[in-house]
Amino acid sequence: MSIPQKLVHLFEERKIPFQTETHPEAFTAQQVAQASHVPGRAFAKSVIVNVDGAIWMAVVPATERVDLKRVQACLGAKKARLASEAEFAPLFTDCDIGAMPIFGSLYNVPVLVSHELASIAEIAFTAGTHREIVRIRVSDYLAAEQPRVCEREAILSGTP
C-alpha cells in the first residue's frame, strides 16, 4: 500500500509543501517516530474514538495518550471510548490499519487536535502505511484540516 492519493491531491490542490520519507516497518507511533528520527512530541498520531456514537479522530503527540474523559468534557459529550477496528476500518480503506493520516476530513471524520501539537512549527505523521511518513508545517495542517483544538489538559493524559 502507498500514500493515499487523496492525501497527495489535497497537498497539491492547496499548494502545501510536504516531504515523504520511507522508514523500516513500524507499528506504534513511538516506533515510527524513532525509525524516522522525529522527536515523539513532534510526531502526530491519530487515535480513533467513538464519541456519543460518532467516530472522531483525536490527534496527539506520539509521546502522549488520549484521556477519554477529557475528550468527553472537551466535546460536551455523554460518552467517549476508543473505537473498535470494526467501527473505523471501513472508513479508511486506502490505509493500513493503524496508519491513518491525521487528515480525518478526507474520510468524513471530524478531528480534535491537542493544543500541544498546534503550537509547534512542523509535524510528521503516518501516511497511510507502516513504512511512510509525511512532514508538513503545522500552520498548513491547521489551515487545511481546520480541526477542533483543545487545550493540553482537555485531551491528554499524563502518561504515554
Protein backbone atom coordinates (compact mmCIF):
# COMPACT_ATOMS: atom_id res chain seq x y z
CA MET A 1 0.00 0.00 0.00
CA SER A 2 1.23 3.52 -0.73
CA ILE A 3 0.35 7.02 0.43
CA PRO A 4 -3.38 7.63 -0.15
CA GLN A 5 -3.87 9.51 -3.41
CA LYS A 6 -6.49 11.74 -1.79
CA LEU A 7 -3.82 12.99 0.65
CA VAL A 8 -1.37 13.81 -2.14
CA HIS A 9 -4.20 15.50 -4.07
CA LEU A 10 -5.06 17.65 -1.02
CA PHE A 11 -1.45 18.79 -0.72
CA GLU A 12 -1.18 19.59 -4.42
CA GLU A 13 -4.57 21.33 -4.58
CA ARG A 14 -3.81 23.52 -1.53
CA LYS A 15 -0.17 24.01 -2.53
CA ILE A 16 1.04 22.58 0.78
CA PRO A 17 4.74 21.76 0.75
CA PHE A 18 5.35 18.26 2.10
CA GLN A 19 8.09 15.71 2.37
CA THR A 20 7.60 11.97 2.35
CA GLU A 21 10.07 9.57 3.88
CA THR A 22 10.31 5.82 4.00
CA HIS A 23 11.41 4.04 7.17
CA PRO A 24 11.70 0.46 8.37
CA GLU A 25 8.27 -1.05 9.09
CA ALA A 26 6.94 0.10 12.46
CA PHE A 27 3.51 -0.10 14.05
CA THR A 28 3.29 2.18 17.09
CA ALA A 29 3.61 5.94 16.79
CA GLN A 30 6.63 5.91 19.11
CA GLN A 31 8.32 3.25 16.96
CA VAL A 32 7.59 5.19 13.78
CA ALA A 33 8.92 8.42 15.31
CA GLN A 34 12.10 6.64 16.34
CA ALA A 35 12.53 4.91 12.97
CA SER A 36 12.01 8.27 11.24
CA HIS A 37 14.30 10.21 13.60
CA VAL A 38 11.46 12.55 14.63
CA PRO A 39 11.09 13.64 18.26
CA GLY A 40 7.98 11.97 19.71
CA ARG A 41 6.49 15.32 20.71
CA ALA A 42 6.60 16.38 17.01
CA PHE A 43 5.14 13.13 15.66
CA ALA A 44 1.34 13.29 15.43
CA LYS A 45 -0.64 10.11 15.88
CA SER A 46 -4.30 9.58 15.16
CA VAL A 47 -6.40 7.85 17.77
CA ILE A 48 -9.89 6.88 16.63
CA VAL A 49 -12.57 7.37 19.26
CA ASN A 50 -16.31 6.87 19.46
CA VAL A 51 -17.97 9.95 20.95
CA ASP A 52 -21.68 9.54 21.63
CA GLY A 53 -21.87 7.03 18.78
CA ALA A 54 -19.95 9.16 16.25
CA ILE A 55 -16.41 8.42 15.06
CA TRP A 56 -13.83 11.15 15.80
CA MET A 57 -10.08 11.32 15.25
CA ALA A 58 -8.02 12.61 18.17
CA VAL A 59 -4.59 13.83 17.05
CA VAL A 60 -1.94 13.92 19.76
CA PRO A 61 1.85 13.68 20.08
CA ALA A 62 3.28 10.14 19.92
CA THR A 63 4.55 10.62 23.47
CA GLU A 64 1.04 11.09 24.89
CA ARG A 65 -2.18 9.19 25.46
CA VAL A 66 -5.71 10.37 24.85
CA ASP A 67 -7.70 10.86 28.06
CA LEU A 68 -11.22 9.81 27.10
CA LYS A 69 -12.89 11.61 30.00
CA ARG A 70 -11.19 14.82 28.90
CA VAL A 71 -12.23 14.26 25.28
CA GLN A 72 -15.77 13.81 26.52
CA ALA A 73 -15.58 17.06 28.52
CA CYS A 74 -13.98 18.98 25.64
CA LEU A 75 -16.72 17.96 23.23
CA GLY A 76 -19.55 18.19 25.76
CA ALA A 77 -20.32 14.51 25.14
CA LYS A 78 -22.02 11.94 27.34
CA LYS A 79 -19.65 9.09 26.47
CA ALA A 80 -16.27 8.67 24.79
CA ARG A 81 -14.40 5.42 24.21
CA LEU A 82 -11.76 4.03 21.90
CA ALA A 83 -13.38 2.92 18.65
CA SER A 84 -13.03 -0.70 17.65
CA GLU A 85 -11.23 -1.66 14.47
CA ALA A 86 -14.56 -2.93 13.12
CA GLU A 87 -16.01 0.56 13.59
CA PHE A 88 -13.29 2.52 11.82
CA ALA A 89 -11.56 0.19 9.35
CA PRO A 90 -14.31 0.56 6.71
CA LEU A 91 -13.72 4.34 6.71
CA PHE A 92 -10.01 4.09 5.86
CA THR A 93 -9.96 1.53 3.03
CA ASP A 94 -6.90 3.09 1.37
CA CYS A 95 -4.78 2.89 4.56
CA ASP A 96 -3.08 0.19 6.56
CA ILE A 97 -4.97 -0.27 9.84
CA GLY A 98 -3.30 1.88 12.46
CA ALA A 99 -1.52 4.07 9.90
CA MET A 100 -4.30 6.54 9.13
CA PRO A 101 -3.09 10.04 8.28
CA ILE A 102 -4.17 12.89 10.55
CA PHE A 103 -6.49 14.35 7.90
CA GLY A 104 -9.79 12.92 9.10
CA SER A 105 -11.70 15.29 6.82
CA LEU A 106 -10.58 13.19 3.85
CA TYR A 107 -12.62 10.37 5.38
CA ASN A 108 -15.55 12.43 6.73
CA VAL A 109 -14.23 12.04 10.27
CA PRO A 110 -14.11 15.16 12.47
CA VAL A 111 -10.75 15.87 14.10
CA LEU A 112 -9.83 17.00 17.58
CA VAL A 113 -6.19 18.04 18.00
CA SER A 114 -4.21 18.69 21.17
CA HIS A 115 -3.08 22.24 21.77
CA GLU A 116 0.46 20.92 22.22
CA LEU A 117 0.68 19.91 18.55
CA ALA A 118 -0.96 23.11 17.38
CA SER A 119 1.82 25.15 18.96
CA ILE A 120 4.88 23.69 17.18
CA ALA A 121 6.26 24.54 13.72
CA GLU A 122 6.38 21.17 11.94
CA ILE A 123 4.86 17.75 12.44
CA ALA A 124 5.33 14.32 10.96
CA PHE A 125 2.65 11.64 10.74
CA THR A 126 1.98 8.24 9.22
CA ALA A 127 0.96 8.46 5.60
CA GLY A 128 -1.41 5.53 5.28
CA THR A 129 1.27 2.83 5.53
CA HIS A 130 3.51 1.37 8.20
CA ARG A 131 6.58 2.39 6.15
CA GLU A 132 5.98 6.02 5.15
CA ILE A 133 5.59 9.34 6.89
CA VAL A 134 4.83 12.86 5.77
CA ARG A 135 6.28 16.07 7.20
CA ILE A 136 4.39 19.36 6.91
CA ARG A 137 4.15 22.72 8.63
CA VAL A 138 1.61 22.78 11.43
CA SER A 139 0.18 26.04 10.11
CA ASP A 140 -0.59 24.29 6.79
CA TYR A 141 -2.19 21.37 8.63
CA LEU A 142 -4.40 23.62 10.74
CA ALA A 143 -5.46 25.71 7.73
CA ALA A 144 -6.28 22.68 5.57
CA GLU A 145 -7.88 20.45 8.20
CA GLN A 146 -9.46 23.08 10.48
CA PRO A 147 -9.61 20.66 13.42
CA ARG A 148 -11.14 21.43 16.77
CA VAL A 149 -8.24 22.38 19.04
CA CYS A 150 -8.43 21.51 22.72
CA GLU A 151 -6.05 22.65 25.39
CA ARG A 152 -3.46 20.10 26.55
CA GLU A 153 -5.35 19.33 29.73
CA ALA A 154 -8.50 18.76 27.69
CA ILE A 155 -7.50 15.57 25.87
CA LEU A 156 -4.12 14.29 27.06
CA SER A 157 -3.40 12.03 30.00
CA GLY A 158 -0.19 12.26 31.96
CA THR A 159 1.37 9.03 30.69
CA PRO A 160 2.11 7.71 27.18
